[in-house]
Amino acid sequence: MRLTLLILLSLTLCWPTVGSTFTADKRDTLRGLREISVLIEYLPDDVEREGLSREHLQRDIEVRLRQAGLHVLTISDIAKSPGAPYLYVAVYPITGPSVDLNAYAIGLTLKQLVQLSRNPTTELFATTWEGPAPPSSLIAPRVLDIRSRILEAVGRFIIDYEAVNPK
């Protein structure tokens, strides 16, 4: 089981998030959540050169999650937590012939280990919550805009979390 969890976690970490949430109310998937981890996918080199580091972004997100009452675990400790939930943050450059090279999509999703109802022995990581972060063209100051959009999505996550986990 532990080896399967680690393999699935490593596969999930390597692939970008695509798709949407299929639950009737994505907030319900946050009910009973007590601990979480944060995984920030690599940031594009030009974004890091402009001053947005993964470490600072990780710290900012973790502080907000702790303030909301969540226990924040390291990505290596999360395998011991029920459902192994983690927030996955990614910044994707949008490229194409008619797209400004300064365009980025920002993704914030909660991934959790889930079981298939038709076969409970089958477990896999799935996106159970997805934050609002539509793609847009980001002109200067790009780093401040990317950071604020990610933190706004984290704020939406916290609102949804608190709605189903009243104190």
N, C-alpha and C. Protein backbone atom coordinates (compact mmCIF):
# COMPACT_ATOMS: atom_id res chain seq x y z
N MET A 1 0.83 -1.19 0.00
CA MET A 1 0.00 0.00 0.00
C MET A 1 0.87 1.25 0.00
N ARG A 2 1.88 1.29 0.86
CA ARG A 2 2.74 2.47 0.97
C ARG A 2 3.50 2.69 -0.35
N LEU A 3 3.99 1.61 -0.96
CA LEU A 3 4.69 1.73 -2.24
C LEU A 3 3.75 2.26 -3.31
N THR A 4 2.52 1.75 -3.32
CA THR A 4 1.53 2.22 -4.29
C THR A 4 1.26 3.71 -4.09
N LEU A 5 1.12 4.13 -2.84
CA LEU A 5 0.89 5.53 -2.53
C LEU A 5 2.04 6.39 -3.02
N LEU A 6 3.26 5.97 -2.80
CA LEU A 6 4.42 6.73 -3.24
C LEU A 6 4.52 6.80 -4.76
N ILE A 7 4.21 5.70 -5.43
CA ILE A 7 4.24 5.69 -6.90
C ILE A 7 3.19 6.64 -7.45
N LEU A 8 1.97 6.55 -6.92
CA LEU A 8 0.91 7.44 -7.39
C LEU A 8 1.23 8.90 -7.10
N LEU A 9 1.78 9.16 -5.94
CA LEU A 9 2.15 10.53 -5.60
C LEU A 9 3.21 11.06 -6.56
N SER A 10 4.21 10.25 -6.86
CA SER A 10 5.26 10.71 -7.77
C SER A 10 4.72 10.92 -9.17
N LEU A 11 3.82 10.05 -9.64
CA LEU A 11 3.22 10.25 -10.96
C LEU A 11 2.37 11.50 -10.99
N THR A 12 1.60 11.72 -9.94
CA THR A 12 0.73 12.89 -9.88
C THR A 12 1.55 14.17 -9.84
N LEU A 13 2.67 14.13 -9.18
CA LEU A 13 3.50 15.32 -9.06
C LEU A 13 4.16 15.69 -10.37
N CYS A 14 4.37 14.74 -11.23
CA CYS A 14 5.08 14.98 -12.48
C CYS A 14 4.17 15.46 -13.60
N TRP A 15 2.88 15.26 -13.49
CA TRP A 15 1.98 15.62 -14.58
C TRP A 15 1.20 16.85 -14.22
N PRO A 16 1.05 17.79 -15.16
CA PRO A 16 0.26 18.98 -14.88
C PRO A 16 -1.21 18.62 -14.69
N THR A 17 -1.89 19.49 -13.97
CA THR A 17 -3.30 19.28 -13.70
C THR A 17 -4.13 19.68 -14.91
N VAL A 18 -4.98 18.78 -15.34
CA VAL A 18 -5.88 19.05 -16.45
C VAL A 18 -7.23 18.49 -16.07
N GLY A 19 -8.28 19.17 -16.44
CA GLY A 19 -9.60 18.64 -16.18
C GLY A 19 -10.34 19.50 -15.19
N SER A 20 -11.43 18.97 -14.70
CA SER A 20 -12.24 19.74 -13.77
C SER A 20 -12.75 18.83 -12.66
N THR A 21 -13.35 19.46 -11.69
CA THR A 21 -13.89 18.74 -10.56
C THR A 21 -15.24 18.16 -10.95
N PHE A 22 -15.50 16.92 -10.55
CA PHE A 22 -16.73 16.26 -10.94
C PHE A 22 -17.71 16.12 -9.78
N THR A 23 -17.41 16.71 -8.63
CA THR A 23 -18.33 16.60 -7.50
C THR A 23 -19.43 17.63 -7.62
N ALA A 24 -20.58 17.32 -7.02
CA ALA A 24 -21.71 18.26 -7.06
C ALA A 24 -21.33 19.56 -6.36
N ASP A 25 -20.66 19.46 -5.25
CA ASP A 25 -20.19 20.64 -4.53
C ASP A 25 -18.78 20.35 -4.06
N LYS A 26 -17.82 20.96 -4.71
CA LYS A 26 -16.42 20.65 -4.40
C LYS A 26 -16.06 20.95 -2.96
N ARG A 27 -16.81 21.81 -2.30
CA ARG A 27 -16.52 22.09 -0.89
C ARG A 27 -16.70 20.86 -0.02
N ASP A 28 -17.63 19.99 -0.38
CA ASP A 28 -17.86 18.78 0.42
C ASP A 28 -16.61 17.93 0.54
N THR A 29 -15.73 17.98 -0.43
CA THR A 29 -14.50 17.18 -0.37
C THR A 29 -13.52 17.73 0.66
N LEU A 30 -13.80 18.92 1.21
CA LEU A 30 -12.94 19.52 2.22
C LEU A 30 -13.42 19.22 3.64
N ARG A 31 -14.59 18.64 3.76
CA ARG A 31 -15.16 18.35 5.08
C ARG A 31 -14.26 17.37 5.83
N GLY A 32 -13.94 17.72 7.08
CA GLY A 32 -13.11 16.85 7.91
C GLY A 32 -11.61 16.95 7.64
N LEU A 33 -11.23 17.76 6.70
CA LEU A 33 -9.81 17.95 6.39
C LEU A 33 -9.13 18.63 7.58
N ARG A 34 -8.06 18.06 8.08
CA ARG A 34 -7.36 18.63 9.23
C ARG A 34 -5.89 18.95 8.93
N GLU A 35 -5.33 18.21 8.00
CA GLU A 35 -3.93 18.44 7.65
C GLU A 35 -3.77 18.40 6.15
N ILE A 36 -2.74 19.10 5.69
CA ILE A 36 -2.55 19.28 4.26
C ILE A 36 -1.08 19.59 4.00
N SER A 37 -0.68 19.38 2.78
CA SER A 37 0.67 19.74 2.36
C SER A 37 0.53 20.66 1.16
N VAL A 38 1.62 21.31 0.81
CA VAL A 38 1.63 22.22 -0.34
C VAL A 38 2.76 21.80 -1.26
N LEU A 39 2.43 21.64 -2.52
CA LEU A 39 3.43 21.33 -3.53
C LEU A 39 3.36 22.39 -4.61
N ILE A 40 4.45 23.11 -4.77
CA ILE A 40 4.53 24.12 -5.81
C ILE A 40 5.37 23.56 -6.94
N GLU A 41 4.73 23.42 -8.09
CA GLU A 41 5.42 22.96 -9.29
C GLU A 41 6.49 23.99 -9.62
N TYR A 42 7.45 23.60 -10.42
CA TYR A 42 8.48 24.54 -10.80
C TYR A 42 7.84 25.81 -11.35
N LEU A 43 8.49 26.92 -11.14
CA LEU A 43 8.03 28.17 -11.74
C LEU A 43 8.86 28.41 -12.99
N PRO A 44 8.27 29.01 -14.02
CA PRO A 44 9.06 29.32 -15.21
C PRO A 44 10.28 30.16 -14.85
N ASP A 45 11.39 29.92 -15.54
CA ASP A 45 12.64 30.61 -15.22
C ASP A 45 12.50 32.13 -15.20
N ASP A 46 11.78 32.69 -16.18
CA ASP A 46 11.67 34.15 -16.23
C ASP A 46 10.88 34.68 -15.04
N VAL A 47 9.94 33.92 -14.53
CA VAL A 47 9.17 34.34 -13.36
C VAL A 47 10.08 34.32 -12.12
N GLU A 48 10.90 33.29 -12.00
CA GLU A 48 11.84 33.24 -10.86
C GLU A 48 12.88 34.34 -10.96
N ARG A 49 13.35 34.63 -12.18
CA ARG A 49 14.34 35.71 -12.35
C ARG A 49 13.76 37.06 -11.93
N GLU A 50 12.45 37.22 -12.09
CA GLU A 50 11.80 38.47 -11.71
C GLU A 50 11.54 38.55 -10.21
N GLY A 51 11.84 37.48 -9.47
CA GLY A 51 11.78 37.56 -8.02
C GLY A 51 10.74 36.72 -7.31
N LEU A 52 9.97 35.92 -8.01
CA LEU A 52 8.99 35.06 -7.34
C LEU A 52 9.62 33.70 -7.12
N SER A 53 9.97 33.39 -5.88
CA SER A 53 10.61 32.10 -5.60
C SER A 53 9.59 31.12 -5.04
N ARG A 54 9.83 29.86 -5.31
CA ARG A 54 8.97 28.80 -4.80
C ARG A 54 8.96 28.79 -3.27
N GLU A 55 10.12 29.04 -2.68
CA GLU A 55 10.23 29.00 -1.22
C GLU A 55 9.37 30.07 -0.56
N HIS A 56 9.42 31.31 -1.08
CA HIS A 56 8.62 32.38 -0.49
C HIS A 56 7.12 32.14 -0.71
N LEU A 57 6.79 31.69 -1.89
CA LEU A 57 5.39 31.40 -2.19
C LEU A 57 4.88 30.27 -1.29
N GLN A 58 5.68 29.23 -1.12
CA GLN A 58 5.31 28.11 -0.24
C GLN A 58 5.07 28.61 1.18
N ARG A 59 5.98 29.43 1.67
CA ARG A 59 5.85 29.95 3.04
C ARG A 59 4.57 30.78 3.18
N ASP A 60 4.30 31.66 2.20
CA ASP A 60 3.10 32.50 2.25
C ASP A 60 1.83 31.65 2.28
N ILE A 61 1.78 30.63 1.45
CA ILE A 61 0.60 29.76 1.40
C ILE A 61 0.45 28.99 2.71
N GLU A 62 1.54 28.43 3.21
CA GLU A 62 1.48 27.64 4.44
C GLU A 62 1.03 28.50 5.63
N VAL A 63 1.47 29.74 5.70
CA VAL A 63 1.04 30.63 6.78
C VAL A 63 -0.47 30.83 6.74
N ARG A 64 -0.99 31.07 5.56
CA ARG A 64 -2.45 31.27 5.42
C ARG A 64 -3.23 30.01 5.80
N LEU A 65 -2.73 28.85 5.42
CA LEU A 65 -3.40 27.60 5.77
C LEU A 65 -3.38 27.38 7.28
N ARG A 66 -2.26 27.67 7.92
CA ARG A 66 -2.18 27.53 9.38
C ARG A 66 -3.15 28.49 10.07
N GLN A 67 -3.24 29.71 9.57
CA GLN A 67 -4.16 30.69 10.14
C GLN A 67 -5.61 30.21 10.03
N ALA A 68 -5.90 29.42 9.02
CA ALA A 68 -7.25 28.87 8.84
C ALA A 68 -7.49 27.64 9.71
N GLY A 69 -6.47 27.20 10.45
CA GLY A 69 -6.63 26.07 11.35
C GLY A 69 -6.17 24.73 10.82
N LEU A 70 -5.55 24.73 9.65
CA LEU A 70 -5.04 23.48 9.09
C LEU A 70 -3.63 23.21 9.58
N HIS A 71 -3.35 21.96 9.84
CA HIS A 71 -1.99 21.55 10.18
C HIS A 71 -1.27 21.31 8.85
N VAL A 72 -0.16 21.99 8.65
CA VAL A 72 0.58 21.89 7.38
C VAL A 72 1.73 20.90 7.55
N LEU A 73 1.72 19.88 6.71
CA LEU A 73 2.76 18.85 6.74
C LEU A 73 3.72 19.04 5.57
N THR A 74 4.90 18.47 5.70
CA THR A 74 5.82 18.46 4.56
C THR A 74 5.29 17.47 3.54
N ILE A 75 5.73 17.60 2.32
CA ILE A 75 5.28 16.69 1.26
C ILE A 75 5.70 15.25 1.56
N SER A 76 6.82 15.07 2.26
CA SER A 76 7.23 13.70 2.59
C SER A 76 6.42 13.11 3.74
N ASP A 77 5.87 13.95 4.63
CA ASP A 77 5.06 13.47 5.75
C ASP A 77 3.61 13.22 5.38
N ILE A 78 3.17 13.77 4.27
CA ILE A 78 1.75 13.70 3.92
C ILE A 78 1.28 12.27 3.66
N ALA A 79 2.17 11.37 3.28
CA ALA A 79 1.78 9.98 3.00
C ALA A 79 1.18 9.31 4.23
N LYS A 80 1.48 9.82 5.43
CA LYS A 80 0.94 9.25 6.66
C LYS A 80 -0.43 9.80 7.02
N SER A 81 -0.88 10.82 6.30
CA SER A 81 -2.15 11.48 6.59
C SER A 81 -3.29 10.82 5.81
N PRO A 82 -4.47 10.69 6.42
CA PRO A 82 -5.60 10.08 5.70
C PRO A 82 -5.91 10.84 4.40
N GLY A 83 -5.87 10.13 3.29
CA GLY A 83 -6.15 10.74 2.00
C GLY A 83 -4.97 11.48 1.38
N ALA A 84 -3.90 11.65 2.13
CA ALA A 84 -2.69 12.32 1.65
C ALA A 84 -3.00 13.61 0.87
N PRO A 85 -3.81 14.53 1.44
CA PRO A 85 -4.22 15.72 0.69
C PRO A 85 -3.08 16.74 0.54
N TYR A 86 -3.01 17.30 -0.66
CA TYR A 86 -2.03 18.38 -0.87
C TYR A 86 -2.56 19.38 -1.89
N LEU A 87 -2.22 20.64 -1.64
CA LEU A 87 -2.53 21.70 -2.59
C LEU A 87 -1.43 21.71 -3.63
N TYR A 88 -1.83 21.67 -4.86
CA TYR A 88 -0.89 21.66 -5.98
C TYR A 88 -0.97 23.01 -6.68
N VAL A 89 0.16 23.71 -6.73
CA VAL A 89 0.22 25.04 -7.33
C VAL A 89 1.12 24.97 -8.55
N ALA A 90 0.63 25.51 -9.67
CA ALA A 90 1.44 25.50 -10.89
C ALA A 90 1.21 26.79 -11.67
N VAL A 91 2.27 27.25 -12.31
CA VAL A 91 2.22 28.40 -13.21
C VAL A 91 2.69 27.91 -14.57
N TYR A 92 1.79 27.98 -15.55
CA TYR A 92 2.08 27.46 -16.88
C TYR A 92 2.18 28.61 -17.88
N PRO A 93 3.28 28.69 -18.62
CA PRO A 93 3.31 29.68 -19.71
C PRO A 93 2.35 29.24 -20.82
N ILE A 94 1.65 30.20 -21.37
CA ILE A 94 0.73 29.92 -22.48
C ILE A 94 1.42 30.36 -23.75
N THR A 95 1.62 29.43 -24.65
CA THR A 95 2.32 29.77 -25.89
C THR A 95 1.46 29.41 -27.09
N GLY A 96 1.75 30.06 -28.17
CA GLY A 96 1.03 29.81 -29.41
C GLY A 96 1.23 30.99 -30.34
N PRO A 97 0.85 30.84 -31.60
CA PRO A 97 1.10 31.89 -32.58
C PRO A 97 0.37 33.20 -32.28
N SER A 98 -0.79 33.15 -31.64
CA SER A 98 -1.53 34.38 -31.39
C SER A 98 -1.56 34.76 -29.92
N VAL A 99 -0.66 34.18 -29.12
CA VAL A 99 -0.64 34.43 -27.69
C VAL A 99 0.60 35.21 -27.32
N ASP A 100 0.41 36.26 -26.53
CA ASP A 100 1.52 37.04 -26.01
C ASP A 100 2.42 36.11 -25.19
N LEU A 101 3.73 36.21 -25.36
CA LEU A 101 4.66 35.33 -24.64
C LEU A 101 4.66 35.59 -23.14
N ASN A 102 4.04 36.68 -22.69
CA ASN A 102 3.97 36.96 -21.26
C ASN A 102 2.67 36.46 -20.64
N ALA A 103 2.01 35.53 -21.28
CA ALA A 103 0.76 35.00 -20.75
C ALA A 103 1.03 33.75 -19.92
N TYR A 104 0.31 33.65 -18.81
CA TYR A 104 0.48 32.51 -17.91
C TYR A 104 -0.87 32.05 -17.41
N ALA A 105 -0.99 30.76 -17.20
CA ALA A 105 -2.16 30.19 -16.52
C ALA A 105 -1.70 29.76 -15.14
N ILE A 106 -2.55 29.99 -14.17
CA ILE A 106 -2.23 29.64 -12.79
C ILE A 106 -3.23 28.59 -12.34
N GLY A 107 -2.71 27.52 -11.78
CA GLY A 107 -3.58 26.46 -11.31
C GLY A 107 -3.38 26.19 -9.83
N LEU A 108 -4.48 26.05 -9.10
CA LEU A 108 -4.44 25.66 -7.70
C LEU A 108 -5.49 24.57 -7.53
N THR A 109 -5.05 23.38 -7.18
CA THR A 109 -5.97 22.26 -7.01
C THR A 109 -5.64 21.52 -5.72
N LEU A 110 -6.66 20.89 -5.16
CA LEU A 110 -6.44 19.99 -4.04
C LEU A 110 -6.50 18.59 -4.60
N LYS A 111 -5.47 17.83 -4.33
CA LYS A 111 -5.42 16.44 -4.76
C LYS A 111 -5.48 15.57 -3.51
N GLN A 112 -6.26 14.49 -3.62
CA GLN A 112 -6.40 13.56 -2.51
C GLN A 112 -6.43 12.14 -3.04
N LEU A 113 -5.99 11.23 -2.20
CA LEU A 113 -6.08 9.82 -2.52
C LEU A 113 -7.52 9.39 -2.33
N VAL A 114 -8.12 8.84 -3.39
CA VAL A 114 -9.53 8.43 -3.34
C VAL A 114 -9.65 6.97 -3.76
N GLN A 115 -10.79 6.38 -3.44
CA GLN A 115 -11.08 5.00 -3.83
C GLN A 115 -12.24 4.98 -4.81
N LEU A 116 -12.17 4.07 -5.76
CA LEU A 116 -13.28 3.89 -6.68
C LEU A 116 -14.43 3.21 -5.93
N SER A 117 -15.64 3.72 -6.07
CA SER A 117 -16.78 3.12 -5.36
C SER A 117 -17.08 1.72 -5.88
N ARG A 118 -16.84 1.47 -7.16
CA ARG A 118 -17.13 0.14 -7.70
C ARG A 118 -16.03 -0.88 -7.37
N ASN A 119 -14.87 -0.38 -6.94
CA ASN A 119 -13.76 -1.26 -6.60
C ASN A 119 -12.91 -0.56 -5.53
N PRO A 120 -13.31 -0.66 -4.27
CA PRO A 120 -12.64 0.08 -3.19
C PRO A 120 -11.15 -0.24 -3.01
N THR A 121 -10.67 -1.31 -3.59
CA THR A 121 -9.24 -1.61 -3.47
C THR A 121 -8.41 -0.77 -4.44
N THR A 122 -9.08 -0.11 -5.39
CA THR A 122 -8.37 0.75 -6.34
C THR A 122 -8.32 2.16 -5.79
N GLU A 123 -7.12 2.64 -5.50
CA GLU A 123 -6.90 3.98 -4.99
C GLU A 123 -6.06 4.77 -5.97
N LEU A 124 -6.37 6.04 -6.10
CA LEU A 124 -5.59 6.91 -6.95
C LEU A 124 -5.75 8.35 -6.49
N PHE A 125 -4.84 9.20 -6.92
CA PHE A 125 -4.95 10.61 -6.60
C PHE A 125 -5.89 11.27 -7.60
N ALA A 126 -6.75 12.12 -7.09
CA ALA A 126 -7.69 12.83 -7.94
C ALA A 126 -7.79 14.27 -7.48
N THR A 127 -8.12 15.14 -8.40
CA THR A 127 -8.40 16.53 -8.07
C THR A 127 -9.80 16.58 -7.48
N THR A 128 -9.90 17.02 -6.21
CA THR A 128 -11.20 17.08 -5.56
C THR A 128 -11.66 18.52 -5.34
N TRP A 129 -10.80 19.47 -5.56
CA TRP A 129 -11.15 20.89 -5.46
C TRP A 129 -10.26 21.64 -6.43
N GLU A 130 -10.84 22.61 -7.10
CA GLU A 130 -10.07 23.38 -8.08
C GLU A 130 -10.36 24.85 -7.86
N GLY A 131 -9.29 25.64 -7.79
CA GLY A 131 -9.45 27.06 -7.53
C GLY A 131 -9.70 27.88 -8.77
N PRO A 132 -10.28 29.04 -8.57
CA PRO A 132 -10.54 29.94 -9.69
C PRO A 132 -9.28 30.70 -10.08
N ALA A 133 -8.73 30.39 -11.21
CA ALA A 133 -7.54 31.10 -11.68
C ALA A 133 -7.50 31.05 -13.19
N PRO A 134 -8.37 31.82 -13.87
CA PRO A 134 -8.38 31.77 -15.33
C PRO A 134 -7.11 32.34 -15.93
N PRO A 135 -6.71 31.86 -17.09
CA PRO A 135 -5.51 32.40 -17.72
C PRO A 135 -5.72 33.85 -18.14
N SER A 136 -4.63 34.60 -18.12
CA SER A 136 -4.70 35.98 -18.58
C SER A 136 -3.32 36.42 -19.02
N SER A 137 -3.28 37.50 -19.75
CA SER A 137 -2.00 38.07 -20.16
C SER A 137 -1.48 38.91 -19.01
N LEU A 138 -0.29 38.66 -18.61
CA LEU A 138 0.28 39.35 -17.46
C LEU A 138 1.42 40.26 -17.92
N ILE A 139 1.16 41.52 -17.90
CA ILE A 139 2.18 42.51 -18.25
C ILE A 139 2.78 42.99 -16.93
N ALA A 140 3.84 43.77 -16.95
CA ALA A 140 4.50 44.26 -15.74
C ALA A 140 3.47 44.90 -14.81
N PRO A 141 3.56 44.70 -13.51
CA PRO A 141 4.49 43.83 -12.80
C PRO A 141 3.96 42.40 -12.73
N ARG A 142 4.48 41.55 -13.54
CA ARG A 142 4.03 40.18 -13.69
C ARG A 142 4.12 39.39 -12.39
N VAL A 143 5.24 39.47 -11.71
CA VAL A 143 5.44 38.67 -10.50
C VAL A 143 4.40 39.01 -9.45
N LEU A 144 4.14 40.28 -9.25
CA LEU A 144 3.14 40.67 -8.25
C LEU A 144 1.76 40.17 -8.63
N ASP A 145 1.43 40.19 -9.91
CA ASP A 145 0.14 39.70 -10.36
C ASP A 145 0.02 38.19 -10.19
N ILE A 146 1.05 37.46 -10.55
CA ILE A 146 1.03 36.00 -10.40
C ILE A 146 0.89 35.64 -8.92
N ARG A 147 1.69 36.26 -8.08
CA ARG A 147 1.64 35.98 -6.64
C ARG A 147 0.25 36.30 -6.08
N SER A 148 -0.29 37.46 -6.42
CA SER A 148 -1.59 37.84 -5.87
C SER A 148 -2.70 36.92 -6.37
N ARG A 149 -2.63 36.48 -7.62
CA ARG A 149 -3.65 35.58 -8.13
C ARG A 149 -3.59 34.21 -7.44
N ILE A 150 -2.39 33.74 -7.16
CA ILE A 150 -2.26 32.47 -6.43
C ILE A 150 -2.81 32.62 -5.02
N LEU A 151 -2.46 33.71 -4.34
CA LEU A 151 -2.95 33.91 -2.98
C LEU A 151 -4.45 34.15 -2.93
N GLU A 152 -5.02 34.75 -3.98
CA GLU A 152 -6.48 34.89 -4.06
C GLU A 152 -7.13 33.51 -4.17
N ALA A 153 -6.54 32.63 -4.96
CA ALA A 153 -7.08 31.27 -5.09
C ALA A 153 -6.96 30.52 -3.76
N VAL A 154 -5.86 30.72 -3.04
CA VAL A 154 -5.71 30.11 -1.71
C VAL A 154 -6.79 30.66 -0.78
N GLY A 155 -7.07 31.96 -0.88
CA GLY A 155 -8.14 32.56 -0.08
C GLY A 155 -9.48 31.92 -0.38
N ARG A 156 -9.74 31.61 -1.65
CA ARG A 156 -10.99 30.94 -2.03
C ARG A 156 -11.04 29.53 -1.45
N PHE A 157 -9.90 28.84 -1.45
CA PHE A 157 -9.81 27.51 -0.84
C PHE A 157 -10.17 27.61 0.64
N ILE A 158 -9.62 28.59 1.33
CA ILE A 158 -9.87 28.75 2.76
C ILE A 158 -11.35 29.07 3.03
N ILE A 159 -11.95 29.90 2.19
CA ILE A 159 -13.38 30.20 2.34
C ILE A 159 -14.19 28.91 2.20
N ASP A 160 -13.89 28.12 1.19
CA ASP A 160 -14.60 26.86 0.99
C ASP A 160 -14.34 25.88 2.14
N TYR A 161 -13.11 25.83 2.62
CA TYR A 161 -12.75 24.97 3.74
C TYR A 161 -13.54 25.37 4.99
N GLU A 162 -13.57 26.65 5.29
CA GLU A 162 -14.26 27.12 6.49
C GLU A 162 -15.77 26.95 6.39
N ALA A 163 -16.31 26.97 5.17
CA ALA A 163 -17.75 26.79 4.99
C ALA A 163 -18.22 25.40 5.41
N VAL A 164 -17.37 24.40 5.27
CA VAL A 164 -17.77 23.03 5.63
C VAL A 164 -17.09 22.53 6.91
N ASN A 165 -16.24 23.36 7.50
CA ASN A 165 -15.55 23.02 8.74
C ASN A 165 -15.67 24.19 9.72
N PRO A 166 -16.89 24.48 10.19
CA PRO A 166 -17.04 25.61 11.11
C PRO A 166 -16.29 25.36 12.42
N LYS A 167 -15.78 26.43 12.96
CA LYS A 167 -15.01 26.29 14.23
C LYS A 167 -15.90 26.21 15.42
